[in-house]
N, C-alpha and C. Protein backbone atom coordinates (compact mmCIF):
# COMPACT_ATOMS: atom_id res chain seq x y z
N MET A 1 0.84 -1.17 0.00
CA MET A 1 0.00 0.00 0.00
C MET A 1 0.89 1.24 0.00
N ALA A 2 0.57 2.17 -0.84
CA ALA A 2 1.29 3.43 -0.90
C ALA A 2 0.31 4.54 -0.57
N GLY A 3 0.43 5.09 0.60
CA GLY A 3 -0.56 6.08 1.02
C GLY A 3 -1.90 5.39 1.19
N ASP A 4 -2.94 5.95 0.57
CA ASP A 4 -4.28 5.36 0.64
C ASP A 4 -4.60 4.49 -0.57
N ALA A 5 -3.64 4.37 -1.51
CA ALA A 5 -3.88 3.59 -2.73
C ALA A 5 -3.71 2.11 -2.46
N GLU A 6 -4.51 1.31 -3.14
CA GLU A 6 -4.41 -0.15 -3.05
C GLU A 6 -4.22 -0.71 -4.45
N LEU A 7 -3.59 -1.85 -4.53
CA LEU A 7 -3.36 -2.52 -5.79
C LEU A 7 -3.86 -3.95 -5.65
N GLU A 8 -4.71 -4.36 -6.56
CA GLU A 8 -5.20 -5.74 -6.58
C GLU A 8 -4.77 -6.36 -7.90
N ILE A 9 -4.02 -7.45 -7.84
CA ILE A 9 -3.59 -8.15 -9.05
C ILE A 9 -4.67 -9.16 -9.40
N LEU A 10 -5.24 -9.01 -10.59
CA LEU A 10 -6.35 -9.86 -11.01
C LEU A 10 -5.90 -11.05 -11.86
N GLY A 11 -4.70 -10.99 -12.39
CA GLY A 11 -4.22 -12.09 -13.21
C GLY A 11 -2.72 -12.01 -13.37
N ASN A 12 -2.11 -13.16 -13.57
CA ASN A 12 -0.67 -13.21 -13.77
C ASN A 12 -0.34 -14.50 -14.52
N SER A 13 -0.64 -14.52 -15.80
CA SER A 13 -0.42 -15.71 -16.61
C SER A 13 1.03 -15.78 -17.07
N PRO A 14 1.58 -16.98 -17.14
CA PRO A 14 2.91 -17.13 -17.71
C PRO A 14 2.84 -16.88 -19.22
N PRO A 15 3.99 -16.68 -19.87
CA PRO A 15 3.97 -16.49 -21.33
C PRO A 15 3.31 -17.68 -22.03
N ALA A 16 2.66 -17.40 -23.13
CA ALA A 16 2.00 -18.45 -23.90
C ALA A 16 2.98 -19.09 -24.86
N GLN A 17 2.74 -20.36 -25.14
CA GLN A 17 3.51 -21.06 -26.17
C GLN A 17 3.16 -20.45 -27.52
N VAL A 18 4.15 -20.29 -28.36
CA VAL A 18 3.92 -19.77 -29.70
C VAL A 18 3.38 -20.91 -30.56
N VAL A 19 2.19 -20.72 -31.09
CA VAL A 19 1.53 -21.76 -31.88
C VAL A 19 1.76 -21.43 -33.36
N VAL A 20 2.65 -22.15 -34.00
CA VAL A 20 2.92 -21.89 -35.41
C VAL A 20 2.59 -23.07 -36.30
N ASP A 21 2.39 -24.25 -35.71
CA ASP A 21 2.19 -25.44 -36.54
C ASP A 21 0.74 -25.90 -36.61
N HIS A 22 -0.18 -25.13 -36.06
CA HIS A 22 -1.60 -25.47 -36.13
C HIS A 22 -2.09 -25.15 -37.54
N PRO A 23 -2.89 -26.02 -38.16
CA PRO A 23 -3.36 -25.78 -39.53
C PRO A 23 -4.08 -24.43 -39.71
N LEU A 24 -4.86 -24.01 -38.72
CA LEU A 24 -5.54 -22.72 -38.87
C LEU A 24 -4.57 -21.55 -38.81
N VAL A 25 -3.54 -21.67 -38.02
CA VAL A 25 -2.52 -20.61 -37.97
C VAL A 25 -1.79 -20.54 -39.30
N THR A 26 -1.47 -21.69 -39.85
CA THR A 26 -0.82 -21.72 -41.16
C THR A 26 -1.69 -21.06 -42.22
N ARG A 27 -2.98 -21.38 -42.22
CA ARG A 27 -3.88 -20.78 -43.20
C ARG A 27 -4.03 -19.28 -42.99
N LEU A 28 -4.07 -18.84 -41.75
CA LEU A 28 -4.16 -17.41 -41.48
C LEU A 28 -2.89 -16.70 -41.96
N ARG A 29 -1.75 -17.27 -41.66
CA ARG A 29 -0.49 -16.67 -42.12
C ARG A 29 -0.45 -16.58 -43.64
N GLU A 30 -0.88 -17.64 -44.31
CA GLU A 30 -0.87 -17.65 -45.77
C GLU A 30 -1.90 -16.68 -46.35
N ALA A 31 -3.04 -16.53 -45.70
CA ALA A 31 -4.09 -15.64 -46.19
C ALA A 31 -3.64 -14.19 -46.23
N GLY A 32 -2.73 -13.82 -45.33
CA GLY A 32 -2.28 -12.44 -45.29
C GLY A 32 -0.80 -12.27 -45.52
N ASN A 33 -0.12 -13.36 -45.91
CA ASN A 33 1.33 -13.32 -46.06
C ASN A 33 1.94 -12.71 -44.79
N LEU A 34 1.55 -13.25 -43.63
CA LEU A 34 1.89 -12.69 -42.33
C LEU A 34 3.12 -13.37 -41.74
N ASP A 35 3.92 -12.59 -41.04
CA ASP A 35 5.09 -13.10 -40.33
C ASP A 35 4.71 -13.40 -38.88
N VAL A 36 5.47 -14.29 -38.26
CA VAL A 36 5.33 -14.54 -36.82
C VAL A 36 6.41 -13.70 -36.15
N ARG A 37 5.97 -12.84 -35.24
CA ARG A 37 6.90 -11.97 -34.52
C ARG A 37 6.53 -11.94 -33.04
N PRO A 38 7.50 -11.67 -32.19
CA PRO A 38 7.18 -11.57 -30.77
C PRO A 38 6.36 -10.33 -30.47
N LYS A 39 5.59 -10.39 -29.42
CA LYS A 39 4.77 -9.25 -29.00
C LYS A 39 5.15 -8.90 -27.58
N GLN A 40 5.55 -7.68 -27.36
CA GLN A 40 5.95 -7.22 -26.04
C GLN A 40 4.84 -6.37 -25.44
N ALA A 41 3.74 -6.99 -25.16
CA ALA A 41 2.60 -6.29 -24.56
C ALA A 41 1.66 -7.34 -24.00
N TRP A 42 0.80 -6.93 -23.08
CA TRP A 42 -0.14 -7.87 -22.51
C TRP A 42 -1.29 -8.09 -23.49
N THR A 43 -1.66 -9.35 -23.64
CA THR A 43 -2.87 -9.74 -24.38
C THR A 43 -3.46 -10.94 -23.65
N PRO A 44 -4.70 -11.31 -23.93
CA PRO A 44 -5.28 -12.47 -23.26
C PRO A 44 -4.81 -13.81 -23.82
N VAL A 45 -3.89 -13.81 -24.79
CA VAL A 45 -3.42 -15.07 -25.37
C VAL A 45 -2.85 -16.00 -24.31
N ALA A 46 -2.10 -15.47 -23.36
CA ALA A 46 -1.53 -16.31 -22.30
C ALA A 46 -2.63 -16.92 -21.43
N GLN A 47 -3.69 -16.17 -21.19
CA GLN A 47 -4.80 -16.72 -20.41
C GLN A 47 -5.51 -17.83 -21.19
N PHE A 48 -5.66 -17.66 -22.49
CA PHE A 48 -6.24 -18.72 -23.31
C PHE A 48 -5.36 -19.97 -23.24
N ALA A 49 -4.05 -19.79 -23.33
CA ALA A 49 -3.12 -20.92 -23.27
C ALA A 49 -3.25 -21.66 -21.95
N GLU A 50 -3.39 -20.92 -20.85
CA GLU A 50 -3.58 -21.56 -19.54
C GLU A 50 -4.83 -22.42 -19.51
N ALA A 51 -5.84 -22.02 -20.29
CA ALA A 51 -7.10 -22.77 -20.34
C ALA A 51 -7.05 -23.88 -21.39
N GLY A 52 -5.88 -24.07 -22.04
CA GLY A 52 -5.74 -25.14 -23.03
C GLY A 52 -6.19 -24.76 -24.43
N LEU A 53 -6.35 -23.47 -24.69
CA LEU A 53 -6.80 -23.00 -26.00
C LEU A 53 -5.64 -22.33 -26.73
N ASP A 54 -5.39 -22.76 -27.95
CA ASP A 54 -4.38 -22.09 -28.77
C ASP A 54 -4.95 -20.76 -29.24
N ALA A 55 -4.10 -19.75 -29.31
CA ALA A 55 -4.55 -18.43 -29.74
C ALA A 55 -3.38 -17.68 -30.37
N VAL A 56 -3.71 -16.69 -31.15
CA VAL A 56 -2.70 -15.81 -31.75
C VAL A 56 -3.15 -14.36 -31.58
N ASN A 57 -2.20 -13.46 -31.66
CA ASN A 57 -2.50 -12.03 -31.73
C ASN A 57 -2.46 -11.63 -33.19
N LEU A 58 -3.44 -10.90 -33.61
CA LEU A 58 -3.46 -10.38 -34.98
C LEU A 58 -4.17 -9.05 -34.96
N GLY A 59 -3.55 -8.09 -35.54
CA GLY A 59 -4.21 -6.80 -35.63
C GLY A 59 -3.33 -5.80 -36.34
N PRO A 60 -3.96 -4.78 -36.85
CA PRO A 60 -3.19 -3.73 -37.50
C PRO A 60 -2.61 -2.81 -36.44
N GLY A 61 -1.63 -2.08 -36.79
CA GLY A 61 -1.12 -1.08 -35.86
C GLY A 61 0.17 -1.50 -35.20
N ALA A 62 0.84 -0.51 -34.66
CA ALA A 62 2.13 -0.70 -34.02
C ALA A 62 1.94 -0.79 -32.51
N THR A 63 2.59 -1.78 -31.91
CA THR A 63 2.50 -1.97 -30.46
C THR A 63 2.88 -0.70 -29.71
N ARG A 64 3.81 0.07 -30.24
CA ARG A 64 4.26 1.26 -29.52
C ARG A 64 3.15 2.29 -29.32
N TYR A 65 2.07 2.19 -30.09
CA TYR A 65 0.94 3.12 -29.95
C TYR A 65 -0.25 2.50 -29.23
N ALA A 66 -0.18 1.22 -28.90
CA ALA A 66 -1.33 0.52 -28.34
C ALA A 66 -1.73 1.08 -26.98
N HIS A 67 -3.01 1.34 -26.84
CA HIS A 67 -3.61 1.74 -25.56
C HIS A 67 -2.98 3.01 -24.98
N ARG A 68 -2.68 3.94 -25.85
CA ARG A 68 -2.14 5.24 -25.42
C ARG A 68 -3.08 6.33 -25.91
N ALA A 69 -2.90 7.50 -25.37
CA ALA A 69 -3.74 8.63 -25.79
C ALA A 69 -3.55 8.94 -27.26
N ASP A 70 -2.36 8.67 -27.80
CA ASP A 70 -2.09 8.94 -29.21
C ASP A 70 -2.14 7.67 -30.06
N GLU A 71 -2.93 6.68 -29.61
CA GLU A 71 -3.06 5.42 -30.36
C GLU A 71 -3.49 5.72 -31.78
N ARG A 72 -2.89 5.04 -32.72
CA ARG A 72 -3.21 5.26 -34.13
C ARG A 72 -2.94 4.00 -34.94
N VAL A 73 -3.51 3.96 -36.11
CA VAL A 73 -3.26 2.85 -37.04
C VAL A 73 -3.41 3.40 -38.45
N GLU A 74 -2.54 2.95 -39.32
CA GLU A 74 -2.59 3.37 -40.72
C GLU A 74 -3.77 2.70 -41.41
N ILE A 75 -4.44 3.43 -42.28
CA ILE A 75 -5.56 2.87 -43.03
C ILE A 75 -5.11 1.68 -43.85
N SER A 76 -3.93 1.75 -44.43
CA SER A 76 -3.43 0.62 -45.23
C SER A 76 -3.27 -0.63 -44.37
N ALA A 77 -2.91 -0.47 -43.10
CA ALA A 77 -2.79 -1.63 -42.20
C ALA A 77 -4.16 -2.21 -41.89
N LEU A 78 -5.17 -1.34 -41.72
CA LEU A 78 -6.54 -1.83 -41.52
C LEU A 78 -7.01 -2.63 -42.72
N VAL A 79 -6.75 -2.11 -43.91
CA VAL A 79 -7.18 -2.78 -45.14
C VAL A 79 -6.46 -4.12 -45.28
N ARG A 80 -5.17 -4.14 -45.02
CA ARG A 80 -4.40 -5.38 -45.14
C ARG A 80 -4.94 -6.44 -44.18
N THR A 81 -5.22 -6.06 -42.95
CA THR A 81 -5.73 -7.01 -41.96
C THR A 81 -7.13 -7.49 -42.34
N TYR A 82 -7.98 -6.57 -42.76
CA TYR A 82 -9.34 -6.93 -43.19
C TYR A 82 -9.27 -7.92 -44.35
N ASP A 83 -8.45 -7.62 -45.34
CA ASP A 83 -8.34 -8.52 -46.51
C ASP A 83 -7.82 -9.90 -46.11
N ALA A 84 -6.85 -9.93 -45.20
CA ALA A 84 -6.31 -11.22 -44.74
C ALA A 84 -7.39 -12.03 -44.03
N LEU A 85 -8.15 -11.37 -43.16
CA LEU A 85 -9.22 -12.07 -42.44
C LEU A 85 -10.33 -12.53 -43.38
N ARG A 86 -10.64 -11.71 -44.37
CA ARG A 86 -11.66 -12.10 -45.35
C ARG A 86 -11.20 -13.34 -46.13
N ARG A 87 -9.94 -13.36 -46.56
CA ARG A 87 -9.42 -14.54 -47.28
C ARG A 87 -9.39 -15.76 -46.36
N PHE A 88 -8.99 -15.55 -45.11
CA PHE A 88 -8.92 -16.64 -44.15
C PHE A 88 -10.30 -17.26 -43.91
N VAL A 89 -11.29 -16.42 -43.62
CA VAL A 89 -12.64 -16.92 -43.37
C VAL A 89 -13.20 -17.62 -44.60
N GLY A 90 -12.87 -17.12 -45.77
CA GLY A 90 -13.34 -17.75 -47.00
C GLY A 90 -12.66 -19.07 -47.29
N SER A 91 -11.52 -19.34 -46.62
CA SER A 91 -10.79 -20.59 -46.88
C SER A 91 -11.09 -21.67 -45.86
N VAL A 92 -11.83 -21.34 -44.80
CA VAL A 92 -12.09 -22.33 -43.74
C VAL A 92 -13.23 -23.22 -44.13
């Protein structure tokens, strides 16, 4: 406790295993010509992994702007992600 402030930790998941060999991940990567890269930010993927569910992070935009007052994303990145998801859903 610092002064009158309190801190409650609601979750603390270990890092998630990187899922690259699942057929759906392969199809998603191919649908958008996407690379696998590390992510240095919190996402619920680790919580899904703890529950036995494979998951990936996918989205337009740069991590350095995520969840900040100046958060932004390029329109071309939105279009690229939309097109990849559209091709992926059409291939399942």
